[in-house]
C-alpha atoms as a PDB file:
ATOM      1  CA  MET A   1      24.080   1.081   0.902  1.00  0.00           C
ATOM      2  CA  ARG A   2      25.061   2.425  -2.471  1.00  0.00           C
ATOM      3  CA  ASN A   3      23.584   5.941  -2.401  1.00  0.00           C
ATOM      4  CA  THR A   4      20.301   5.969  -4.340  1.00  0.00           C
ATOM      5  CA  GLU A   5      21.483   4.006  -7.364  1.00  0.00           C
ATOM      6  CA  GLU A   6      19.485   1.013  -8.480  1.00  0.00           C
ATOM      7  CA  ALA A   7      21.096  -2.400  -8.515  1.00  0.00           C
ATOM      8  CA  ASP A   8      22.247  -3.456 -11.976  1.00  0.00           C
ATOM      9  CA  THR A   9      22.823  -7.111 -11.123  1.00  0.00           C
ATOM     10  CA  LEU A  10      21.304  -9.695  -8.832  1.00  0.00           C
ATOM     11  CA  ALA A  11      24.508  -9.722  -6.772  1.00  0.00           C
ATOM     12  CA  GLU A  12      24.221  -5.953  -6.185  1.00  0.00           C
ATOM     13  CA  LEU A  13      20.585  -6.349  -5.188  1.00  0.00           C
ATOM     14  CA  ILE A  14      21.464  -9.053  -2.674  1.00  0.00           C
ATOM     15  CA  ASP A  15      24.271  -6.884  -1.278  1.00  0.00           C
ATOM     16  CA  ASP A  16      21.832  -3.988  -0.889  1.00  0.00           C
ATOM     17  CA  CYS A  17      19.294  -6.177   0.893  1.00  0.00           C
ATOM     18  CA  THR A  18      21.825  -7.422   3.424  1.00  0.00           C
ATOM     19  CA  GLU A  19      22.402  -3.826   4.480  1.00  0.00           C
ATOM     20  CA  VAL A  20      18.751  -3.310   5.454  1.00  0.00           C
ATOM     21  CA  PRO A  21      18.509  -2.831   9.241  1.00  0.00           C
ATOM     22  CA  ALA A  22      17.227  -5.871  11.139  1.00  0.00           C
ATOM     23  CA  GLU A  23      14.117  -4.040  12.389  1.00  0.00           C
ATOM     24  CA  LEU A  24      13.004  -3.574   8.766  1.00  0.00           C
ATOM     25  CA  ARG A  25      13.583  -7.178   7.679  1.00  0.00           C
ATOM     26  CA  PRO A  26      10.782  -9.746   7.661  1.00  0.00           C
ATOM     27  CA  THR A  27      10.415 -11.926  10.729  1.00  0.00           C
ATOM     28  CA  ASP A  28       8.704 -15.205  11.524  1.00  0.00           C
ATOM     29  CA  LYS A  29       6.149 -13.406  13.684  1.00  0.00           C
ATOM     30  CA  ALA A  30       2.560 -13.897  12.607  1.00  0.00           C
ATOM     31  CA  LEU A  31       0.873 -10.866  11.121  1.00  0.00           C
ATOM     32  CA  PRO A  32      -2.247  -9.557  12.836  1.00  0.00           C
ATOM     33  CA  GLU A  33      -5.578 -10.443  11.269  1.00  0.00           C
ATOM     34  CA  PRO A  34      -6.842  -7.750   8.896  1.00  0.00           C
ATOM     35  CA  ARG A  35      -9.563  -5.506  10.237  1.00  0.00           C
ATOM     36  CA  LEU A  36     -12.981  -5.464   8.648  1.00  0.00           C
ATOM     37  CA  ALA A  37     -13.595  -2.436   6.480  1.00  0.00           C
ATOM     38  CA  ALA A  38     -16.283  -0.057   7.597  1.00  0.00           C
ATOM     39  CA  LYS A  39     -19.527  -0.361   5.628  1.00  0.00           C
ATOM     40  CA  TRP A  40     -20.166   2.351   3.099  1.00  0.00           C
ATOM     41  CA  GLN A  41     -22.869   4.787   3.968  1.00  0.00           C
ATOM     42  CA  VAL A  42     -24.313   7.340   1.571  1.00  0.00           C
ATOM     43  CA  SER A  43     -26.257  10.254   2.976  1.00  0.00           C
ATOM     44  CA  ASP A  44     -29.318  11.678   1.274  1.00  0.00           C
ATOM     45  CA  ALA A  45     -27.294  14.841   0.542  1.00  0.00           C
ATOM     46  CA  ASN A  46     -24.631  12.810  -1.291  1.00  0.00           C
ATOM     47  CA  ALA A  47     -27.233  10.871  -3.254  1.00  0.00           C
ATOM     48  CA  ALA A  48     -28.926  14.131  -4.244  1.00  0.00           C
ATOM     49  CA  GLN A  49     -25.648  15.430  -5.713  1.00  0.00           C
ATOM     50  CA  VAL A  50     -25.609  12.634  -8.297  1.00  0.00           C
ATOM     51  CA  ALA A  51     -29.345  12.088  -8.719  1.00  0.00           C
ATOM     52  CA  ASN A  52     -29.361  13.557 -12.242  1.00  0.00           C
ATOM     53  CA  LEU A  53     -25.891  12.342 -13.232  1.00  0.00           C
ATOM     54  CA  ASP A  54     -27.227  10.346 -16.190  1.00  0.00           C
ATOM     55  CA  ALA A  55     -28.202  13.663 -17.804  1.00  0.00           C
ATOM     56  CA  TYR A  56     -24.499  14.601 -18.002  1.00  0.00           C
ATOM     57  CA  VAL A  57     -23.133  11.299 -19.238  1.00  0.00           C
END
């Protein structure tokens, strides 16, 4: 690769990309399904911290 310089042309960009190690290149393997995000939970203590927030806005 060319140090840390950015490619100035499309040809340079393509040359840089061909030097990327095989283990970092995309493959045809299917990606795993995304996990479901945990549901948000707000404790009474957290709610109490912002209970009077409208007074400051």
